[in-house]
């Protein structure tokens, strides 16, 4: 059994719900990723900010530093998929040295994009690190299930 941390970034609450459902299955500790400068509340406004960050490769600062991860073997990393990839705040997280040597299992809450697109981006961002990136999975909020090439029961 791996000791796990569930880190997630959520705008609409769907990724938070996925993280809570994942916690019930894994008993992992939760950590919500928040930007130092909060994203706007309205969908149209935070999409605009997210697109600007992507277009200009802006990695927003975190509101609080990642917790000490020494005791954790496995990090579940949750996010909504924006433009077939993780939001730029996830890039910020992946650049944190605290993730060195960890197994990372990404999960997304996209309604239309499978996890494979985001996983490809995550692997390219971490190719020079010693993180092990699993294939991950997508959370379907309508049936409250995780689907993907990574088998969740193999990780618990």
Protein backbone atom coordinates (compact mmCIF):
# COMPACT_ATOMS: atom_id res chain seq x y z
CA UNK A 1 0.00 0.00 0.00
CA UNK A 2 1.37 3.39 -1.02
CA UNK A 3 1.04 6.44 1.19
CA UNK A 4 -0.59 8.99 -1.06
CA UNK A 5 -1.23 12.71 -1.37
CA UNK A 6 -4.05 14.02 -3.53
CA UNK A 7 -3.15 17.44 -4.88
CA UNK A 8 -5.74 19.15 -7.02
CA UNK A 9 -6.59 22.42 -8.73
CA UNK A 10 -10.29 23.14 -9.18
CA UNK A 11 -12.20 26.06 -10.65
CA UNK A 12 -15.81 24.87 -10.88
CA UNK A 13 -15.73 22.36 -8.03
CA UNK A 14 -15.74 19.27 -10.25
CA UNK A 15 -12.05 18.51 -9.69
CA UNK A 16 -12.57 19.02 -5.95
CA UNK A 17 -15.38 16.45 -6.05
CA UNK A 18 -13.09 14.06 -7.94
CA UNK A 19 -10.39 14.56 -5.30
CA UNK A 20 -12.87 13.87 -2.49
CA UNK A 21 -14.11 10.72 -4.26
CA UNK A 22 -10.50 9.62 -4.77
CA UNK A 23 -9.78 10.25 -1.09
CA UNK A 24 -12.62 7.90 -0.11
CA UNK A 25 -11.01 5.15 -2.19
CA UNK A 26 -7.38 5.75 -1.25
CA UNK A 27 -7.41 7.52 2.15
CA UNK A 28 -4.83 9.92 0.66
CA UNK A 29 -4.24 13.32 2.20
CA UNK A 30 -5.77 16.30 0.36
CA UNK A 31 -3.99 19.47 -0.72
CA UNK A 32 -5.77 22.10 -2.80
CA UNK A 33 -3.57 23.97 -5.26
CA UNK A 34 -4.42 27.66 -5.38
CA UNK A 35 -2.86 30.56 -7.23
CA UNK A 36 -1.31 33.42 -5.29
CA UNK A 37 -3.32 35.78 -7.49
CA UNK A 38 -6.76 34.11 -7.56
CA UNK A 39 -8.36 33.26 -10.85
CA UNK A 40 -11.54 35.21 -11.63
CA UNK A 41 -14.78 33.52 -10.58
CA UNK A 42 -16.72 33.71 -13.85
CA UNK A 43 -16.05 31.06 -16.48
CA UNK A 44 -15.44 33.55 -19.30
CA UNK A 45 -12.95 35.53 -17.20
CA UNK A 46 -10.90 32.58 -15.90
CA UNK A 47 -10.81 31.09 -19.40
CA UNK A 48 -9.34 34.37 -20.62
CA UNK A 49 -6.70 34.36 -17.88
CA UNK A 50 -5.91 30.68 -18.48
CA UNK A 51 -5.51 31.23 -22.22
CA UNK A 52 -3.22 34.22 -21.65
CA UNK A 53 -1.06 32.14 -19.30
CA UNK A 54 -0.86 29.35 -21.87
CA UNK A 55 -0.13 31.65 -24.81
CA UNK A 56 2.64 33.45 -22.91
CA UNK A 57 3.95 30.44 -20.96
CA UNK A 58 3.15 32.11 -17.62
CA UNK A 59 3.39 29.80 -14.62
CA UNK A 60 1.40 31.41 -11.80
CA UNK A 61 2.81 31.45 -8.30
CA UNK A 62 1.17 29.24 -5.72
CA UNK A 63 -0.78 30.76 -2.84
CA UNK A 64 1.00 28.40 -0.48
CA UNK A 65 4.01 26.16 -0.93
CA UNK A 66 3.49 22.47 -1.52
CA UNK A 67 3.49 20.52 1.74
CA UNK A 68 6.39 18.34 2.83
CA UNK A 69 6.06 15.22 0.68
CA UNK A 70 8.83 13.11 2.23
CA UNK A 71 6.34 10.63 3.70
CA UNK A 72 4.44 10.13 0.44
CA UNK A 73 5.23 7.60 -2.28
CA UNK A 74 2.40 8.49 -4.63
CA UNK A 75 0.98 11.85 -5.70
CA UNK A 76 -2.39 12.04 -7.42
CA UNK A 77 -2.43 15.30 -9.38
CA UNK A 78 -5.89 16.53 -10.37
CA UNK A 79 -6.89 19.35 -12.68
CA UNK A 80 -9.42 20.41 -15.30
CA UNK A 81 -8.08 20.00 -18.83
CA UNK A 82 -7.80 23.31 -20.66
CA UNK A 83 -6.94 23.26 -24.39
CA UNK A 84 -6.01 19.55 -24.25
CA UNK A 85 -3.52 20.04 -21.42
CA UNK A 86 -3.19 20.90 -17.74
CA UNK A 87 -3.57 24.55 -16.70
CA UNK A 88 -0.30 26.43 -16.32
CA UNK A 89 -0.58 26.27 -12.52
CA UNK A 90 0.05 22.52 -12.86
CA UNK A 91 3.28 23.37 -14.70
CA UNK A 92 4.24 25.41 -11.61
CA UNK A 93 3.58 22.39 -9.38
CA UNK A 94 5.54 20.00 -11.59
CA UNK A 95 8.59 22.27 -11.39
CA UNK A 96 8.70 21.94 -7.60
CA UNK A 97 11.69 19.90 -6.39
CA UNK A 98 9.49 18.34 -3.68
CA UNK A 99 8.08 16.03 -6.37
CA UNK A 100 11.50 14.57 -7.11
CA UNK A 101 11.44 10.77 -7.08
CA UNK A 102 7.66 10.56 -6.69
CA UNK A 103 5.15 8.54 -8.68
CA UNK A 104 2.66 10.99 -10.20
CA UNK A 105 -0.81 9.84 -11.23
CA UNK A 106 -2.59 12.60 -13.12
CA UNK A 107 -6.37 12.82 -13.18
CA UNK A 108 -8.55 15.20 -15.13
CA UNK A 109 -12.15 16.28 -14.99
CA UNK A 110 -12.56 17.12 -18.65
CA UNK A 111 -15.90 16.14 -20.14
CA UNK A 112 -14.48 15.75 -23.64
CA UNK A 113 -10.71 15.23 -23.52
CA UNK A 114 -9.20 11.96 -22.33
CA UNK A 115 -6.25 12.03 -19.93
CA UNK A 116 -3.79 10.97 -22.65
CA UNK A 117 -3.46 14.51 -24.05
CA UNK A 118 -2.60 15.96 -20.63
CA UNK A 119 -0.32 13.06 -19.74
CA UNK A 120 1.70 13.67 -22.90
CA UNK A 121 2.24 17.30 -21.81
CA UNK A 122 3.12 16.27 -18.26
CA UNK A 123 5.66 13.74 -19.51
CA UNK A 124 7.28 16.35 -21.74
CA UNK A 125 7.52 18.78 -18.81
CA UNK A 126 9.10 16.18 -16.54
CA UNK A 127 11.30 14.23 -18.98
CA UNK A 128 14.51 15.45 -17.32
CA UNK A 129 13.27 14.69 -13.80
CA UNK A 130 13.19 11.44 -11.85
CA UNK A 131 9.40 11.53 -11.42
CA UNK A 132 7.53 8.47 -12.62
CA UNK A 133 4.43 9.57 -14.53
CA UNK A 134 1.58 7.06 -14.71
CA UNK A 135 -0.99 7.14 -17.51
CA UNK A 136 -3.63 8.51 -15.16
CA UNK A 137 -7.37 8.69 -15.57
CA UNK A 138 -10.35 10.91 -16.27
CA UNK A 139 -13.14 11.51 -13.78
CA UNK A 140 -16.67 11.40 -15.13
CA UNK A 141 -18.80 13.53 -12.76
CA UNK A 142 -22.09 12.24 -14.15
CA UNK A 143 -21.37 8.70 -12.91
CA UNK A 144 -18.68 9.64 -10.36
CA UNK A 145 -16.15 7.16 -11.73
CA UNK A 146 -12.54 7.22 -12.80
CA UNK A 147 -11.66 5.75 -16.19
CA UNK A 148 -8.37 5.40 -18.01
CA UNK A 149 -5.41 3.16 -18.69
CA UNK A 150 -4.15 3.36 -15.10
CA UNK A 151 -6.02 0.90 -12.92
CA UNK A 152 -6.81 2.67 -9.64
CA UNK A 153 -7.09 -0.61 -7.74
CA UNK A 154 -3.46 -1.40 -8.63
CA UNK A 155 -2.34 1.76 -6.84
CA UNK A 156 -4.34 1.45 -3.62
